[in-house]
Amino acid sequence: MTPSASRAVTLPSLDDATRLLVRLSAAVTAGTEADQRAALAAAATVPPLWVEELLLQSYLFAGFPRTLNAMREWRRGHPAPVAPGAGGAPAEWRAQGEATCAIVYGNVYERLRENIRDLHAALDDWMITEGYGKVLSRPGLDLPRRELCIVAACAAAGQDRQLHSHLHGALNAGVAPEAVTACLDALAGVVSGPQLQTARMLWERVRGK
């Protein structure tokens, strides 16, 4: 899929399962262990594979400690997959990562790559191969929902620069503006009031472009 083709809407509205999933993403990223347990319990009606994939991708945004704690709680009622490996190989991850990152960043993709390489070449390699390739290109959860979960994680963590990028990324991945708005609304009570207000202001700026 090319970046321009990704503009086609593939998630026109926020269904109940996705609403619970984005709340879980925020809780894993910034909530207490009690918050995580409550969000996992609330997500009982979400397809288990979606939860698995959300928890796996959370280490990119919440770190391993929080991800391990959330996965440990999830495992209390959900046995680990028989074949849980990452699958694929580094060369395949890199190709998939470049394609997925190009969708998310659209016409600023090349500038992003230059900016990250200016920070450190290793970060550029890890972002593409590890982040967008090995993790975010996995099957099991579609890219529009992954992007909404990233929006939720960035809002919860107060990472406004990355939030701004992934609000654009959600649109580029095929999320309708109304679904992005509903995603932010769904974070009430999980993300602090000031941080949620900042997220809404950023979204109005992105939406107004």
Protein backbone atom coordinates (compact mmCIF):
# COMPACT_ATOMS: atom_id res chain seq x y z
CA MET A 1 0.00 0.00 0.00
CA THR A 2 1.34 3.42 -0.88
CA PRO A 3 1.04 6.39 1.51
CA SER A 4 -1.53 8.06 -0.73
CA ALA A 5 -3.59 4.88 -0.96
CA SER A 6 -3.65 4.68 2.84
CA ARG A 7 -5.93 7.73 2.94
CA ALA A 8 -8.90 5.47 2.18
CA VAL A 9 -11.00 5.15 5.34
CA THR A 10 -10.81 1.66 6.79
CA LEU A 11 -12.04 2.46 10.31
CA PRO A 12 -15.03 4.80 9.93
CA SER A 13 -16.11 4.74 13.58
CA LEU A 14 -14.96 3.57 17.00
CA ASP A 15 -16.60 0.25 17.81
CA ASP A 16 -16.99 -0.90 21.43
CA ALA A 17 -14.09 -3.35 21.26
CA THR A 18 -11.70 -0.70 19.96
CA ARG A 19 -12.90 1.74 22.60
CA LEU A 20 -11.96 -0.74 25.32
CA LEU A 21 -8.67 -1.49 23.59
CA VAL A 22 -7.51 2.14 23.53
CA ARG A 23 -8.44 2.53 27.19
CA LEU A 24 -6.34 -0.54 27.93
CA SER A 25 -3.43 0.94 25.98
CA ALA A 26 -3.55 4.08 28.12
CA ALA A 27 -3.78 2.08 31.34
CA VAL A 28 -0.82 -0.11 30.43
CA THR A 29 1.24 2.97 29.56
CA ALA A 30 0.57 5.18 32.55
CA GLY A 31 -1.82 3.51 34.99
CA THR A 32 -1.16 1.65 38.22
CA GLU A 33 -1.21 -2.13 38.35
CA ALA A 34 -4.75 -1.84 39.71
CA ASP A 35 -5.65 0.31 36.70
CA GLN A 36 -4.17 -2.30 34.39
CA ARG A 37 -6.14 -5.10 36.06
CA ALA A 38 -9.37 -3.11 35.79
CA ALA A 39 -8.75 -2.27 32.12
CA LEU A 40 -7.96 -5.91 31.31
CA ALA A 41 -11.13 -7.04 33.07
CA ALA A 42 -13.16 -4.45 31.17
CA ALA A 43 -11.63 -5.72 27.91
CA ALA A 44 -13.13 -9.19 28.37
CA THR A 45 -15.28 -8.74 25.24
CA VAL A 46 -12.36 -7.61 23.06
CA PRO A 47 -11.01 -10.28 20.67
CA PRO A 48 -8.17 -11.91 22.64
CA LEU A 49 -5.77 -11.64 19.71
CA TRP A 50 -6.24 -7.86 19.68
CA VAL A 51 -5.34 -7.72 23.37
CA GLU A 52 -2.29 -9.93 22.80
CA GLU A 53 -1.05 -7.65 20.03
CA LEU A 54 -1.75 -4.47 21.98
CA LEU A 55 0.21 -5.78 24.95
CA LEU A 56 3.10 -6.86 22.73
CA GLN A 57 3.37 -3.47 21.03
CA SER A 58 3.16 -1.68 24.38
CA TYR A 59 6.81 -2.31 25.13
CA LEU A 60 7.65 0.22 22.41
CA PHE A 61 5.70 2.96 24.19
CA ALA A 62 5.41 1.90 27.85
CA GLY A 63 8.65 -0.05 28.31
CA PHE A 64 9.26 -3.68 29.22
CA PRO A 65 8.43 -3.45 32.97
CA ARG A 66 4.89 -2.20 32.41
CA THR A 67 4.35 -4.55 29.49
CA LEU A 68 5.54 -7.56 31.50
CA ASN A 69 3.25 -6.64 34.39
CA ALA A 70 0.24 -6.28 32.11
CA MET A 71 1.02 -9.50 30.23
CA ARG A 72 1.43 -11.35 33.53
CA GLU A 73 -2.04 -10.23 34.58
CA TRP A 74 -3.47 -11.16 31.16
CA ARG A 75 -1.94 -14.64 31.39
CA ARG A 76 -3.97 -15.40 34.52
CA GLY A 77 -6.89 -16.25 32.28
CA HIS A 78 -5.31 -16.61 28.85
CA PRO A 79 -2.63 -19.23 28.17
CA ALA A 80 0.37 -18.24 26.08
CA PRO A 81 0.20 -19.06 22.34
CA VAL A 82 1.81 -22.34 21.33
CA ALA A 83 4.14 -20.59 18.87
CA PRO A 84 4.72 -17.12 20.38
CA GLY A 85 7.84 -16.18 18.41
CA ALA A 86 8.17 -12.93 16.50
CA GLY A 87 8.24 -14.70 13.13
CA GLY A 88 10.04 -13.54 10.02
CA ALA A 89 13.65 -12.45 9.70
CA PRO A 90 15.45 -9.08 10.05
CA ALA A 91 15.51 -8.44 6.28
CA GLU A 92 11.77 -9.10 6.09
CA TRP A 93 11.11 -6.94 9.15
CA ARG A 94 13.04 -4.08 7.59
CA ALA A 95 11.07 -4.21 4.34
CA GLN A 96 7.77 -4.41 6.20
CA GLY A 97 8.87 -1.66 8.56
CA GLU A 98 9.71 0.72 5.75
CA ALA A 99 6.32 0.10 4.15
CA THR A 100 4.38 0.52 7.40
CA CYS A 101 6.31 3.61 8.48
CA ALA A 102 5.74 5.17 5.05
CA ILE A 103 1.99 4.70 5.50
CA VAL A 104 1.98 6.25 8.96
CA TYR A 105 4.12 9.26 8.04
CA GLY A 106 2.90 9.82 4.50
CA ASN A 107 4.56 12.75 2.75
CA VAL A 108 6.89 13.48 5.68
CA TYR A 109 8.33 9.95 5.75
CA GLU A 110 11.68 10.82 4.15
CA ARG A 111 12.10 13.84 6.43
CA LEU A 112 11.37 11.64 9.46
CA ARG A 113 14.07 9.16 8.40
CA GLU A 114 16.58 11.99 7.96
CA ASN A 115 15.72 13.46 11.35
CA ILE A 116 16.09 10.14 13.15
CA ARG A 117 19.35 9.36 11.39
CA ASP A 118 20.62 12.76 12.54
CA LEU A 119 19.92 11.67 16.11
CA HIS A 120 21.66 8.30 15.66
CA ALA A 121 21.81 5.80 12.81
CA ALA A 122 21.07 2.97 15.25
CA LEU A 123 17.81 4.62 16.31
CA ASP A 124 16.72 4.83 12.68
CA ASP A 125 17.52 1.15 12.17
CA TRP A 126 15.73 0.08 15.35
CA MET A 127 12.71 2.26 14.60
CA ILE A 128 12.24 0.64 11.19
CA THR A 129 13.33 -2.95 11.82
CA GLU A 130 12.24 -3.42 15.41
CA GLY A 131 9.38 -0.96 15.81
CA TYR A 132 7.56 -0.68 12.51
CA GLY A 133 8.74 -4.02 11.15
CA LYS A 134 8.94 -6.73 13.79
CA VAL A 135 6.22 -5.27 16.02
CA LEU A 136 3.78 -2.96 14.26
CA SER A 137 3.64 -4.96 11.01
CA ARG A 138 2.55 -8.13 12.80
CA PRO A 139 -0.75 -9.70 11.75
CA GLY A 140 -3.48 -10.00 14.35
CA LEU A 141 -4.29 -6.31 14.76
CA ASP A 142 -4.79 -3.94 11.85
CA LEU A 143 -2.74 -0.77 11.46
CA PRO A 144 -5.63 1.69 12.04
CA ARG A 145 -6.33 0.17 15.47
CA ARG A 146 -2.62 -0.03 16.25
CA GLU A 147 -2.33 3.68 15.53
CA LEU A 148 -5.26 4.52 17.79
CA CYS A 149 -3.63 2.51 20.57
CA ILE A 150 -0.42 4.48 20.01
CA VAL A 151 -2.42 7.72 20.18
CA ALA A 152 -3.82 6.54 23.52
CA ALA A 153 -0.38 5.58 24.82
CA CYS A 154 1.19 8.90 23.83
CA ALA A 155 -1.69 10.86 25.35
CA ALA A 156 -1.42 8.92 28.60
CA ALA A 157 2.34 9.40 28.77
CA GLY A 158 2.17 13.11 27.93
CA GLN A 159 4.40 12.61 24.88
CA ASP A 160 2.98 15.45 22.84
CA ARG A 161 5.49 15.43 19.98
CA GLN A 162 4.87 11.74 19.27
CA LEU A 163 1.14 12.21 19.85
CA HIS A 164 1.06 14.89 17.17
CA SER A 165 2.80 12.52 14.73
CA HIS A 166 0.49 9.62 15.45
CA LEU A 167 -2.68 11.68 15.23
CA HIS A 168 -1.56 12.32 11.66
CA GLY A 169 -0.57 8.66 11.44
CA ALA A 170 -4.03 7.45 12.41
CA LEU A 171 -5.53 9.47 9.56
CA ASN A 172 -2.86 8.21 7.15
CA ALA A 173 -3.59 4.64 8.21
CA GLY A 174 -7.27 5.00 7.35
CA VAL A 175 -8.96 6.11 10.59
CA ALA A 176 -11.85 8.50 10.03
CA PRO A 177 -11.58 11.84 11.88
CA GLU A 178 -14.73 11.01 13.82
CA ALA A 179 -13.12 7.81 15.09
CA VAL A 180 -10.03 9.72 16.26
CA THR A 181 -12.26 12.14 18.17
CA ALA A 182 -14.13 9.21 19.71
CA CYS A 183 -10.80 7.62 20.68
CA LEU A 184 -9.80 10.71 22.64
CA ASP A 185 -13.25 10.88 24.22
CA ALA A 186 -12.85 7.24 25.28
CA LEU A 187 -9.75 8.14 27.30
CA ALA A 188 -11.71 10.22 29.81
CA GLY A 189 -11.14 8.79 33.26
CA VAL A 190 -7.97 6.97 32.15
CA VAL A 191 -5.83 9.89 31.01
CA SER A 192 -5.52 12.87 33.36
CA GLY A 193 -7.72 15.86 32.61
CA PRO A 194 -4.90 18.27 31.69
CA GLN A 195 -3.16 15.74 29.45
CA LEU A 196 -6.40 14.84 27.74
CA GLN A 197 -7.14 18.51 27.14
CA THR A 198 -3.72 18.93 25.57
CA ALA A 199 -4.37 15.90 23.37
CA ARG A 200 -7.68 17.37 22.22
CA MET A 201 -6.02 20.70 21.41
CA LEU A 202 -3.36 18.92 19.36
CA TRP A 203 -6.06 16.99 17.55
CA GLU A 204 -7.96 20.16 16.68
CA ARG A 205 -4.74 21.54 15.23
CA VAL A 206 -4.13 18.40 13.18
CA ARG A 207 -7.74 18.18 12.04
CA GLY A 208 -7.76 21.82 11.01
CA LYS A 209 -4.87 21.41 8.58
